Amino acid sequence: MGIIVSIIISGIAGWLAGKLMSSHFSMLGNIAIGIVGGIVGNIVLSVFGISGEGFIGRIIVGAVGACILIALGRAFSK
């Protein structure tokens, strides 16, 4: 059950990041960005002593990480 919840949270985080950054990924793209974004978000925010706990906290951390990934992708694609 934990993997299904993680995929749902990652999908929500990726969708949120896509809306915030005006990105046009598919639903599977949003889930992939959200999964990797969750990892990146945990690493980046742990440097500042911030951790995402609970459902909402994990969504926020994943969305922050996904926004970072989208921004990096845009920077290197130009």
C-alpha atoms as a PDB file:
ATOM      1  CA  MET A   1       0.000   0.000   0.000  1.00  0.00           C
ATOM      2  CA  GLY A   2       2.930   2.364   0.600  1.00  0.00           C
ATOM      3  CA  ILE A   3       3.994   2.373  -3.048  1.00  0.00           C
ATOM      4  CA  ILE A   4       0.498   3.257  -4.243  1.00  0.00           C
ATOM      5  CA  VAL A   5       0.300   6.167  -1.792  1.00  0.00           C
ATOM      6  CA  SER A   6       3.766   7.345  -2.875  1.00  0.00           C
ATOM      7  CA  ILE A   7       2.717   7.269  -6.540  1.00  0.00           C
ATOM      8  CA  ILE A   8      -0.429   9.241  -5.733  1.00  0.00           C
ATOM      9  CA  ILE A   9       1.549  11.822  -3.745  1.00  0.00           C
ATOM     10  CA  SER A  10       4.154  12.018  -6.523  1.00  0.00           C
ATOM     11  CA  GLY A  11       1.454  12.503  -9.130  1.00  0.00           C
ATOM     12  CA  ILE A  12      -0.118  15.313  -7.127  1.00  0.00           C
ATOM     13  CA  ALA A  13       3.280  16.941  -6.545  1.00  0.00           C
ATOM     14  CA  GLY A  14       4.169  16.668 -10.236  1.00  0.00           C
ATOM     15  CA  TRP A  15       0.795  18.044 -11.278  1.00  0.00           C
ATOM     16  CA  LEU A  16       1.168  20.955  -8.839  1.00  0.00           C
ATOM     17  CA  ALA A  17       4.675  21.718 -10.109  1.00  0.00           C
ATOM     18  CA  GLY A  18       3.414  21.560 -13.685  1.00  0.00           C
ATOM     19  CA  LYS A  19       0.720  24.110 -12.882  1.00  0.00           C
ATOM     20  CA  LEU A  20       3.119  26.384 -10.989  1.00  0.00           C
ATOM     21  CA  MET A  21       5.749  26.267 -13.714  1.00  0.00           C
ATOM     22  CA  SER A  22       3.344  26.180 -16.709  1.00  0.00           C
ATOM     23  CA  SER A  23       4.799  22.881 -17.859  1.00  0.00           C
ATOM     24  CA  HIS A  24       2.973  20.697 -20.381  1.00  0.00           C
ATOM     25  CA  PHE A  25       3.789  17.135 -19.386  1.00  0.00           C
ATOM     26  CA  SER A  26       1.388  14.196 -19.608  1.00  0.00           C
ATOM     27  CA  MET A  27       0.053  12.526 -16.477  1.00  0.00           C
ATOM     28  CA  LEU A  28       2.845   9.923 -16.612  1.00  0.00           C
ATOM     29  CA  GLY A  29       5.349  12.732 -17.116  1.00  0.00           C
ATOM     30  CA  ASN A  30       3.942  14.496 -14.051  1.00  0.00           C
ATOM     31  CA  ILE A  31       4.267  11.320 -11.988  1.00  0.00           C
ATOM     32  CA  ALA A  32       7.871  10.819 -13.134  1.00  0.00           C
ATOM     33  CA  ILE A  33       8.752  14.451 -12.437  1.00  0.00           C
ATOM     34  CA  GLY A  34       7.019  14.141  -9.047  1.00  0.00           C
ATOM     35  CA  ILE A  35       8.925  10.982  -8.083  1.00  0.00           C
ATOM     36  CA  VAL A  36      12.310  12.412  -8.990  1.00  0.00           C
ATOM     37  CA  GLY A  37      11.228  15.776  -7.596  1.00  0.00           C
ATOM     38  CA  GLY A  38      10.460  14.162  -4.255  1.00  0.00           C
ATOM     39  CA  ILE A  39      13.989  12.823  -4.084  1.00  0.00           C
ATOM     40  CA  VAL A  40      15.523  16.136  -5.174  1.00  0.00           C
ATOM     41  CA  GLY A  41      13.251  18.083  -2.825  1.00  0.00           C
ATOM     42  CA  ASN A  42      14.230  15.914   0.142  1.00  0.00           C
ATOM     43  CA  ILE A  43      17.925  16.407  -0.601  1.00  0.00           C
ATOM     44  CA  VAL A  44      17.723  20.158  -1.191  1.00  0.00           C
ATOM     45  CA  LEU A  45      15.406  20.946   1.719  1.00  0.00           C
ATOM     46  CA  SER A  46      17.337  18.723   4.152  1.00  0.00           C
ATOM     47  CA  VAL A  47      20.342  21.005   3.601  1.00  0.00           C
ATOM     48  CA  PHE A  48      18.217  23.779   5.121  1.00  0.00           C
ATOM     49  CA  GLY A  49      16.944  21.538   7.914  1.00  0.00           C
ATOM     50  CA  ILE A  50      13.428  21.242   6.465  1.00  0.00           C
ATOM     51  CA  SER A  51      11.658  17.917   6.198  1.00  0.00           C
ATOM     52  CA  GLY A  52       8.267  17.114   4.752  1.00  0.00           C
ATOM     53  CA  GLU A  53       6.216  15.076   7.153  1.00  0.00           C
ATOM     54  CA  GLY A  54       2.695  13.945   6.568  1.00  0.00           C
ATOM     55  CA  PHE A  55       0.668  13.949   3.379  1.00  0.00           C
ATOM     56  CA  ILE A  56       0.743  17.708   2.738  1.00  0.00           C
ATOM     57  CA  GLY A  57       4.424  18.030   3.676  1.00  0.00           C
ATOM     58  CA  ARG A  58       5.400  15.299   1.222  1.00  0.00           C
ATOM     59  CA  ILE A  59       3.383  16.971  -1.536  1.00  0.00           C
ATOM     60  CA  ILE A  60       5.086  20.309  -0.875  1.00  0.00           C
ATOM     61  CA  VAL A  61       8.576  18.764  -0.828  1.00  0.00           C
ATOM     62  CA  GLY A  62       7.851  16.848  -4.033  1.00  0.00           C
ATOM     63  CA  ALA A  63       6.443  19.944  -5.729  1.00  0.00           C
ATOM     64  CA  VAL A  64       9.474  22.036  -4.732  1.00  0.00           C
ATOM     65  CA  GLY A  65      11.810  19.372  -6.072  1.00  0.00           C
ATOM     66  CA  ALA A  66       9.794  19.015  -9.279  1.00  0.00           C
ATOM     67  CA  CYS A  67       9.848  22.797  -9.780  1.00  0.00           C
ATOM     68  CA  ILE A  68      13.626  22.702  -9.392  1.00  0.00           C
ATOM     69  CA  LEU A  69      13.840  19.945 -12.004  1.00  0.00           C
ATOM     70  CA  ILE A  70      11.586  21.804 -14.440  1.00  0.00           C
ATOM     71  CA  ALA A  71      13.631  24.995 -13.984  1.00  0.00           C
ATOM     72  CA  LEU A  72      16.884  23.111 -14.544  1.00  0.00           C
ATOM     73  CA  GLY A  73      15.439  21.428 -17.623  1.00  0.00           C
ATOM     74  CA  ARG A  74      14.449  24.792 -19.061  1.00  0.00           C
ATOM     75  CA  ALA A  75      17.851  26.298 -18.268  1.00  0.00           C
ATOM     76  CA  PHE A  76      19.782  23.505 -19.983  1.00  0.00           C
ATOM     77  CA  SER A  77      17.426  23.173 -22.962  1.00  0.00           C
ATOM     78  CA  LYS A  78      18.112  26.708 -24.152  1.00  0.00           C
END
